[in-house]
Protein backbone atom coordinates (compact mmCIF):
# COMPACT_ATOMS: atom_id res chain seq x y z
CA MET A 1 -0.08 0.00 0.04
CA PRO A 2 1.63 4.41 -0.95
CA LEU A 3 2.57 5.26 2.49
CA THR A 4 4.00 8.86 2.61
CA ARG A 5 2.33 12.11 3.63
CA ASN A 6 4.64 14.46 1.88
CA GLY A 7 3.41 16.08 -1.28
CA VAL A 8 4.82 17.87 -4.09
CA THR A 9 4.46 21.04 -6.18
CA CYS A 10 4.00 20.97 -9.86
CA LEU A 11 6.91 23.10 -10.87
CA LYS A 12 9.32 22.37 -13.80
CA GLU A 13 12.59 21.12 -12.53
CA SER A 14 15.10 23.61 -13.83
CA PRO A 15 18.85 23.50 -13.33
CA ALA A 16 18.66 26.57 -10.98
CA ALA A 17 15.93 24.77 -8.93
CA LYS A 18 18.17 21.72 -8.62
CA GLU A 19 21.08 23.83 -7.36
CA SER A 20 18.77 25.59 -4.86
CA LEU A 21 17.68 22.32 -3.24
CA PRO A 22 19.76 20.42 -0.70
CA SER A 23 21.42 17.85 -2.95
CA ALA A 24 21.18 15.13 -0.37
CA ALA A 25 18.00 15.83 1.53
CA PRO A 26 14.29 15.25 0.74
CA SER A 27 12.92 18.11 -1.22
CA VAL A 28 10.31 20.08 0.87
CA ARG A 29 7.15 20.53 -1.23
CA PRO A 30 3.62 21.24 -0.27
CA LYS A 31 1.26 18.35 0.13
CA LEU A 32 -0.68 17.41 -2.98
CA LYS A 33 -4.03 16.96 -1.21
CA ALA A 34 -5.82 15.49 -4.20
CA LEU A 35 -3.44 12.50 -4.24
CA THR A 36 -4.11 12.00 -0.53
CA THR A 37 -7.77 11.72 -1.32
CA LEU A 38 -6.95 9.32 -4.17
CA ARG A 39 -5.45 7.05 -1.53
CA PHE A 40 -8.75 6.89 0.23
CA LEU A 41 -10.62 6.14 -3.00
CA ALA A 42 -8.16 3.33 -3.79
CA ALA A 43 -8.63 1.79 -0.22
CA LEU A 44 -12.42 2.19 -0.62
CA HIS A 45 -12.17 0.13 -3.78
CA VAL A 46 -10.32 -2.62 -1.88
CA VAL A 47 -12.83 -2.45 0.96
CA LEU A 48 -15.78 -2.90 -1.50
CA PHE A 49 -14.04 -5.97 -3.03
CA HIS A 50 -13.71 -7.68 0.29
CA MET A 51 -17.20 -6.82 1.31
CA ARG A 52 -18.38 -8.41 -1.88
CA VAL A 53 -16.12 -11.46 -1.44
CA VAL A 54 -17.45 -12.21 2.08
CA GLY A 55 -21.13 -11.71 0.95
CA ILE A 56 -21.80 -8.48 2.78
CA LEU A 57 -22.26 -6.36 -0.32
CA SER A 58 -22.44 -9.00 -3.06
CA GLY A 59 -25.70 -8.02 -4.80
CA GLY A 60 -26.65 -4.80 -6.56
CA PRO A 61 -26.59 -3.75 -10.32
CA TRP A 62 -24.16 -5.40 -12.71
CA TRP A 63 -21.86 -2.32 -12.90
CA TYR A 64 -21.38 -2.35 -9.10
CA GLN A 65 -20.71 -6.08 -8.99
CA ASN A 66 -18.15 -5.60 -11.78
CA PHE A 67 -16.57 -2.57 -10.07
CA ALA A 68 -16.43 -4.20 -6.61
CA GLY A 69 -15.28 -7.39 -8.27
CA ILE A 70 -12.00 -5.84 -9.45
CA GLY A 71 -11.38 -3.89 -6.26
CA TYR A 72 -8.02 -5.52 -5.87
CA VAL A 73 -6.72 -3.08 -8.51
CA GLY A 74 -6.71 -0.58 -5.72
CA VAL A 75 -3.44 -2.11 -4.59
CA ASN A 76 -2.12 -1.57 -8.10
CA CYS A 77 -2.97 2.09 -7.69
CA PHE A 78 -1.10 2.24 -4.39
CA PHE A 79 1.98 0.79 -5.88
CA VAL A 80 2.06 3.32 -8.78
CA LEU A 81 1.22 6.28 -6.41
CA SER A 82 3.92 5.09 -4.00
CA GLY A 83 6.66 5.34 -6.57
CA PHE A 84 5.29 8.72 -7.76
CA ILE A 85 5.22 10.27 -4.33
CA LEU A 86 8.56 8.88 -3.22
CA VAL A 87 10.32 10.49 -6.26
CA TYR A 88 8.80 13.88 -5.38
CA THR A 89 9.68 13.60 -1.82
CA TYR A 90 13.26 12.55 -2.47
CA ALA A 91 13.59 14.32 -5.77
CA ASP A 92 17.30 14.60 -6.18
CA SER A 93 19.04 12.22 -3.77
CA ILE A 94 18.90 10.75 -0.37
CA ARG A 95 21.40 12.05 2.32
CA SER A 96 21.46 8.76 4.19
CA VAL A 97 20.01 5.53 2.90
CA TRP A 98 19.74 4.22 6.50
CA ARG A 99 17.80 7.29 7.62
CA PHE A 100 15.43 6.90 4.60
CA TRP A 101 14.78 3.31 5.48
CA GLN A 102 14.23 4.32 9.03
CA ALA A 103 11.74 6.98 8.09
CA ARG A 104 9.83 4.44 5.91
CA PHE A 105 9.84 1.95 8.79
CA ALA A 106 8.50 4.71 11.21
CA ARG A 107 5.67 5.37 8.56
CA ILE A 108 4.36 1.91 8.18
CA TYR A 109 5.22 -0.31 11.09
CA PRO A 110 3.19 1.04 14.03
CA ALA A 111 -0.20 0.68 12.28
CA TYR A 112 1.10 -2.58 10.75
CA VAL A 113 1.76 -4.06 14.24
CA LEU A 114 -1.62 -2.68 15.40
CA SER A 115 -3.35 -4.69 12.63
CA LEU A 116 -1.49 -7.83 13.62
CA PHE A 117 -2.66 -7.46 17.24
CA ALA A 118 -6.23 -6.83 16.15
CA SER A 119 -6.27 -9.93 13.79
CA GLY A 120 -4.11 -12.14 15.93
CA PRO A 121 -6.89 -13.82 17.93
CA PHE A 122 -8.78 -14.91 14.77
CA PHE A 123 -5.55 -15.99 13.01
CA PHE A 124 -4.40 -18.20 15.85
CA TYR A 125 -7.81 -19.69 16.38
CA ALA A 126 -8.14 -20.42 12.68
CA VAL A 127 -4.75 -22.20 12.36
CA ARG A 128 -5.71 -24.37 15.34
CA HIS A 129 -9.36 -25.11 14.73
CA LEU A 130 -10.40 -24.17 11.18
CA GLU A 131 -9.58 -25.53 7.70
CA LEU A 132 -9.17 -22.39 5.67
CA PRO A 133 -7.27 -22.78 2.42
CA PHE A 134 -5.13 -19.63 2.62
CA PHE A 135 -4.09 -20.53 6.23
CA ALA A 136 -3.08 -24.13 5.22
CA TRP A 137 0.62 -23.30 5.06
CA SER A 138 0.50 -21.36 8.19
CA LYS A 139 -1.16 -24.32 10.01
CA GLN A 140 1.86 -26.43 9.23
CA HIS A 141 4.56 -23.67 9.70
CA LEU A 142 3.15 -21.43 12.32
CA LEU A 143 6.46 -20.23 13.66
CA GLY A 144 7.61 -19.45 10.13
CA ALA A 145 4.45 -17.69 9.36
CA CYS A 146 4.86 -15.42 12.43
CA PHE A 147 8.43 -14.68 11.57
CA LEU A 148 7.70 -13.88 7.96
CA THR A 149 4.73 -11.59 8.84
CA GLY A 150 6.47 -9.79 11.63
CA SER A 151 9.54 -9.13 9.35
CA LEU A 152 7.57 -8.11 6.39
CA LEU A 153 8.83 -11.05 4.36
CA GLN A 154 5.67 -13.06 3.81
CA SER A 155 5.12 -12.22 0.13
CA TRP A 156 8.38 -13.90 -0.82
CA VAL A 157 6.80 -17.23 0.21
CA PRO A 158 3.84 -17.88 -2.15
CA GLN A 159 1.86 -20.01 0.41
CA ALA A 160 2.46 -17.48 3.20
CA ALA A 161 1.53 -14.37 1.41
CA LEU A 162 -1.98 -14.06 2.91
CA THR A 163 -1.10 -15.33 6.39
CA TRP A 164 -2.22 -13.63 9.56
CA ASN A 165 -3.80 -10.39 8.26
CA SER A 166 -4.20 -11.11 4.60
CA VAL A 167 -3.91 -7.58 3.35
CA CYS A 168 -0.53 -7.24 4.84
CA TRP A 169 1.03 -8.95 1.90
CA SER A 170 1.08 -5.65 0.09
CA LEU A 171 3.19 -4.08 2.92
CA SER A 172 5.65 -6.89 2.44
CA VAL A 173 5.87 -5.80 -1.22
CA GLU A 174 6.10 -2.16 -0.31
CA ALA A 175 9.04 -2.95 2.07
CA PHE A 176 10.86 -4.32 -0.81
CA PHE A 177 10.17 -1.19 -2.86
CA TYR A 178 11.58 0.90 -0.06
CA LEU A 179 14.70 -1.37 0.03
CA VAL A 180 15.57 -0.78 -3.66
CA PHE A 181 14.19 2.78 -4.00
CA PRO A 182 17.59 4.47 -3.31
CA LEU A 183 19.05 2.55 -6.21
CA VAL A 184 16.07 3.27 -8.38
CA LEU A 185 16.22 6.94 -7.63
CA VAL A 186 19.91 7.16 -8.78
CA TRP A 187 19.18 4.94 -11.95
CA THR A 188 16.28 7.20 -13.11
CA GLN A 189 18.01 10.55 -12.36
CA GLY A 190 18.64 12.57 -15.43
CA LEU A 191 16.75 10.36 -17.94
CA PRO A 192 15.53 12.36 -21.02
CA TYR A 193 11.77 12.85 -21.66
CA ARG A 194 11.70 10.19 -24.44
CA LYS A 195 13.11 7.44 -22.09
CA LEU A 196 10.74 8.46 -19.27
CA VAL A 197 7.72 8.02 -21.55
CA LEU A 198 9.08 4.76 -22.95
CA GLY A 199 9.77 3.67 -19.35
CA ILE A 200 6.08 3.96 -18.47
CA LEU A 201 5.08 1.95 -21.41
CA GLY A 202 7.90 -0.56 -21.09
CA TRP A 203 7.39 -1.39 -17.42
CA SER A 204 3.65 -1.66 -18.00
CA PHE A 205 4.39 -4.05 -20.83
CA VAL A 206 6.63 -6.17 -18.52
CA SER A 207 3.63 -6.55 -16.08
CA LEU A 208 1.34 -7.51 -19.05
CA SER A 209 3.95 -9.98 -20.34
CA LEU A 210 4.12 -11.77 -17.03
CA SER A 211 0.29 -12.18 -16.94
CA LEU A 212 0.14 -13.33 -20.57
CA LEU A 213 2.93 -15.81 -19.95
CA TYR A 214 0.97 -17.21 -17.02
CA LEU A 215 -2.17 -17.47 -19.04
CA PHE A 216 -0.31 -19.04 -21.98
CA LEU A 217 1.66 -21.66 -20.06
CA HIS A 218 -1.08 -22.62 -17.42
CA PRO A 219 1.60 -23.46 -14.87
CA ASP A 220 -1.10 -24.24 -12.25
CA GLY A 221 -3.07 -26.51 -14.61
CA ILE A 222 -6.21 -24.43 -14.53
CA ASP A 223 -7.54 -22.49 -17.52
CA LYS A 224 -9.85 -20.00 -15.77
CA ILE A 225 -8.60 -18.33 -12.72
CA SER A 226 -10.76 -16.39 -10.19
CA ALA A 227 -9.45 -13.35 -8.49
CA THR A 228 -10.35 -14.98 -5.06
CA GLU A 229 -8.23 -18.08 -5.86
CA THR A 230 -5.49 -18.16 -3.19
CA THR A 231 -4.13 -21.60 -3.23
CA LEU A 232 -2.33 -21.83 -6.57
CA LEU A 233 1.39 -21.55 -6.40
CA TRP A 234 2.17 -19.68 -9.64
CA LYS A 235 -0.87 -17.55 -9.34
CA ASN A 236 0.29 -16.46 -5.87
CA ILE A 237 3.72 -15.69 -7.30
CA LEU A 238 2.21 -13.58 -10.06
CA SER A 239 -0.11 -11.77 -7.54
CA PHE A 240 2.04 -11.39 -4.55
CA ASN A 241 5.78 -11.75 -5.22
CA PRO A 242 7.65 -8.38 -4.87
CA LEU A 243 9.63 -8.89 -8.04
CA ALA A 244 6.42 -9.54 -10.02
CA ARG A 245 4.87 -6.35 -8.64
CA LEU A 246 7.98 -4.22 -8.99
CA PRO A 247 7.12 -2.94 -12.54
CA GLU A 248 4.02 -1.20 -11.07
CA PHE A 249 6.16 0.69 -8.64
CA LEU A 250 8.66 1.57 -11.38
CA VAL A 251 5.80 2.95 -13.55
CA GLY A 252 5.10 5.43 -10.68
CA VAL A 253 8.78 6.28 -10.28
CA VAL A 254 9.20 7.13 -13.96
CA ALA A 255 5.88 8.96 -14.02
CA GLY A 256 7.24 10.97 -11.05
CA ARG A 257 10.37 11.86 -12.86
CA LEU A 258 8.41 12.83 -15.89
CA PHE A 259 6.25 15.16 -13.86
CA LEU A 260 9.25 16.80 -12.27
CA ALA A 261 10.64 17.49 -15.78
CA THR A 262 7.53 18.57 -17.45
CA GLY A 263 4.70 18.98 -14.91
CA ASN A 264 3.69 22.65 -15.39
CA ASN A 265 0.99 22.36 -18.06
CA VAL A 266 -2.27 22.26 -16.23
CA LYS A 267 -4.14 21.89 -19.56
CA LEU A 268 -2.96 18.28 -19.64
CA ALA A 269 -4.84 17.44 -16.51
CA ALA A 270 -8.31 16.91 -17.95
CA PRO A 271 -7.15 14.68 -20.92
CA LEU A 272 -4.97 12.58 -18.67
CA ILE A 273 -7.49 12.05 -15.97
CA LEU A 274 -10.29 11.37 -18.41
CA THR A 275 -8.07 8.84 -20.26
CA GLY A 276 -7.26 7.00 -17.17
CA LEU A 277 -10.92 6.88 -16.03
CA VAL A 278 -12.10 5.69 -19.45
CA VAL A 279 -9.52 2.79 -19.30
CA LEU A 280 -10.69 1.96 -15.77
CA GLY A 281 -14.34 2.25 -16.77
CA THR A 282 -13.70 -0.01 -19.81
CA MET A 283 -12.11 -2.58 -17.50
CA VAL A 284 -15.16 -2.51 -15.30
CA VAL A 285 -17.55 -3.11 -18.18
CA LEU A 286 -15.43 -5.96 -19.49
CA ALA A 287 -14.41 -7.33 -16.07
CA GLY A 288 -16.23 -10.67 -16.52
CA LYS A 289 -14.57 -11.31 -19.96
CA ILE A 290 -10.98 -10.55 -19.07
CA PRO A 291 -8.99 -13.11 -17.16
CA SER A 292 -8.27 -11.73 -13.67
CA PRO A 293 -4.47 -12.18 -13.96
CA LEU A 294 -4.48 -9.65 -16.68
CA ILE A 295 -6.33 -7.14 -14.49
CA SER A 296 -4.56 -7.76 -11.21
CA ALA A 297 -0.91 -7.56 -12.02
CA GLY A 298 -0.26 -4.08 -13.38
CA PHE A 299 -2.48 -3.99 -16.47
CA LEU A 300 -3.97 -0.68 -15.34
CA SER A 301 -0.67 0.92 -14.26
CA PRO A 302 -0.49 3.43 -17.22
CA ALA A 303 -4.08 4.54 -16.48
CA PHE A 304 -3.32 5.06 -12.85
CA ALA A 305 -0.22 6.91 -13.71
CA ALA A 306 -2.20 9.22 -16.00
CA ILE A 307 -4.74 9.90 -13.24
CA ILE A 308 -2.06 10.60 -10.61
CA TYR A 309 -0.07 12.86 -13.04
CA GLY A 310 -3.33 14.76 -13.96
CA LEU A 311 -4.31 15.29 -10.31
CA ALA A 312 -0.78 16.33 -9.44
CA LEU A 313 -1.30 19.25 -11.86
CA GLN A 314 -3.86 20.58 -9.48
CA PRO A 315 -6.68 21.52 -11.96
CA LYS A 316 -9.22 23.84 -10.36
CA TRP A 317 -12.17 21.63 -11.18
CA ALA A 318 -10.65 18.94 -9.08
CA ALA A 319 -10.43 21.09 -6.01
CA PHE A 320 -13.24 19.27 -4.36
CA LEU A 321 -10.70 16.44 -3.75
CA GLU A 322 -8.80 18.81 -1.43
CA THR A 323 -11.69 19.34 1.05
CA PRO A 324 -10.45 18.81 4.65
CA GLY A 325 -12.77 15.79 5.24
CA LEU A 326 -11.62 13.88 2.16
CA VAL A 327 -7.97 14.63 2.91
CA LEU A 328 -8.40 13.42 6.43
CA LEU A 329 -9.85 10.18 5.16
CA GLY A 330 -6.87 9.88 2.79
CA ASP A 331 -4.51 10.43 5.70
CA ALA A 332 -6.28 7.56 7.53
CA SER A 333 -6.53 5.36 4.48
CA TYR A 334 -3.51 3.28 5.35
CA SER A 335 -5.14 2.18 8.67
CA LEU A 336 -8.43 1.63 6.86
CA TYR A 337 -6.73 -0.73 4.47
CA LEU A 338 -5.08 -2.66 7.25
CA LEU A 339 -8.12 -2.84 9.63
CA HIS A 340 -11.22 -2.96 7.41
CA SER A 341 -11.59 -6.73 7.13
CA ILE A 342 -11.27 -7.21 10.85
CA VAL A 343 -13.51 -4.39 11.90
CA ILE A 344 -16.22 -4.80 9.29
CA GLY A 345 -16.35 -8.61 10.00
CA LYS A 346 -16.76 -8.21 13.70
CA ALA A 347 -19.16 -5.28 13.47
CA PHE A 348 -21.40 -6.97 11.01
CA GLU A 349 -21.54 -10.13 13.03
CA ALA A 350 -22.38 -8.17 16.19
CA MET A 351 -25.39 -6.56 14.63
CA SER A 352 -27.01 -9.81 13.40
CA ALA A 353 -30.55 -8.70 14.44
CA TRP A 354 -30.48 -5.48 12.45
CA PRO A 355 -31.50 -5.03 8.73
CA TRP A 356 -28.84 -6.12 6.28
CA GLY A 357 -28.21 -2.83 4.65
CA LEU A 358 -27.91 -0.96 7.91
CA ARG A 359 -25.52 -3.53 9.25
CA ALA A 360 -23.36 -3.04 6.06
CA ALA A 361 -23.42 0.74 6.41
CA LEU A 362 -22.63 0.82 10.09
CA SER A 363 -19.90 -1.86 9.62
CA PHE A 364 -18.18 0.35 7.08
CA ALA A 365 -18.56 3.39 9.36
CA ALA A 366 -16.98 1.55 12.18
CA ALA A 367 -14.06 0.67 9.92
CA VAL A 368 -13.61 4.31 9.07
CA ALA A 369 -13.86 5.31 12.71
CA ALA A 370 -11.25 2.61 13.57
CA SER A 371 -8.93 3.98 10.96
CA LEU A 372 -9.27 7.63 12.18
CA ALA A 373 -8.50 6.44 15.73
CA SER A 374 -5.57 4.42 14.57
CA TYR A 375 -4.25 7.34 12.53
CA TYR A 376 -4.37 9.80 15.54
CA LEU A 377 -3.41 7.40 18.32
CA ILE A 378 -0.99 5.00 16.67
CA GLU A 379 0.21 6.04 13.19
CA GLU A 380 1.23 9.65 13.91
CA PRO A 381 2.58 9.25 17.43
CA GLY A 382 4.48 6.04 16.24
CA ARG A 383 5.89 7.75 13.26
CA LYS A 384 7.15 10.76 15.33
CA PHE A 385 8.72 8.55 17.91
CA LEU A 386 10.50 6.25 15.42
CA ARG A 387 11.43 8.63 12.61
CA PRO A 388 15.04 9.92 12.36
CA ARG A 389 15.82 12.95 14.42
CA ARG A 390 16.23 16.03 12.32
CA GLU A 391 19.78 17.08 11.53
CA PRO A 392 20.90 20.72 12.03
C-alpha cells in the first residue's frame, strides 16, 4: 500500500531549482491533497472488493458487481502512487539511505503491528481449529508464518503471502520497494523525456507480459482463474511476489520523474485524468470477460499513472478532492486498508438482528472510525517517535 504524507509542487525542475535544493535531503514541497484523497478512494475500492467477497455487499446492479469485483486493483494504484510520491519527496538524492529506511519503517510499522494484534486472535484460532485454504501453510509452519509476517517477508513465500492479516502482503511488497528505491532513484535521475515516456510503457508491458505468460503456459493446470483463488502456487507468485509487482512501482517512479521534468502544463490534467478513467471504466464493463491475472498484475498501471499525473497538476475543477474531510480520510486510508476486514467482519456479526443494509453501512462506518483512531493514536505518534531525528 503508498505510504508517505509528503506532497509535491507541480513546478518544472530547472537547473537553477536543482542547485537551490539540498542535494542530499528530501525536497520540501507542499502536500498534494488530491493525491491523498486518491489514496482513500483506492482503499475504498479494496474495501468494496472484500465486502463483496465475504457476501456483505455481493448484490446490486451489474456495474457495481463488476466494479467491486475488481477492487483488488486498488493495490495496483497504491504501488504506482507510492513510486510517484517517493520520487517527489526525495527528488534529487537521499542524504542517508539508512535514515530513509528508518523513516519508511516509522511510517508503516506502528499501524502494521496494530493490525497484527487486532487480527491475531482470529488468526491463531483459525490455524488451530479451522480449515481455511489460505491458512493451510501457516497451519503447518506457524512459527515460520509469524516470523515472515513480523519481518515483512511473507510475500516472498507464495503460500504464506496471505497469512495472519491477509492484506498485509502488500506491505511486504512495499517494504521491498523501499529497500530498492535508493538505487532506483539514482538509476532514473537525469533520464530524458523520451526514455521516461518509454519507461512507463515498457514497465507496463513487463507486467502485461508476465500475466500473458501465465495464461499461456497454465503452470497451475487451470484455464480459468478467479481473483479470489489463493491456493495456486504460480498464481500467488504472479499476484504477491515483490519482483512480479516491481514494474508497477517503477511505472510510478518514472511518471514522477516525468512530472518533475514537465509537470507545469495544467491543460494536460483533464485529458490525462479522463483517459485514465475511461480505461478503468472499460475494464469495469469488461471485467467478466478479461482473465483476472491480466487485471490484477499491473494491467492498469498506465491508467493510474495518467490519473495521478493529472491530479498532481492541481486543476481547479478537481479542487473538491482537497476538502479537509476527504484529505483526512486519505491520511487515515492506510489504517483503513489494514483494519477494514477485521472491523467490518466483527461489526457486521455483532449486529446480526439488524437489517442487512444498515449492518453493512454501520460496519463500514466502524471501519472508518477505527482508521481515524488508529491514525491519531498509533500512526502519527509512532511515526514521530520512530522517525530519524532532524539534523541541524
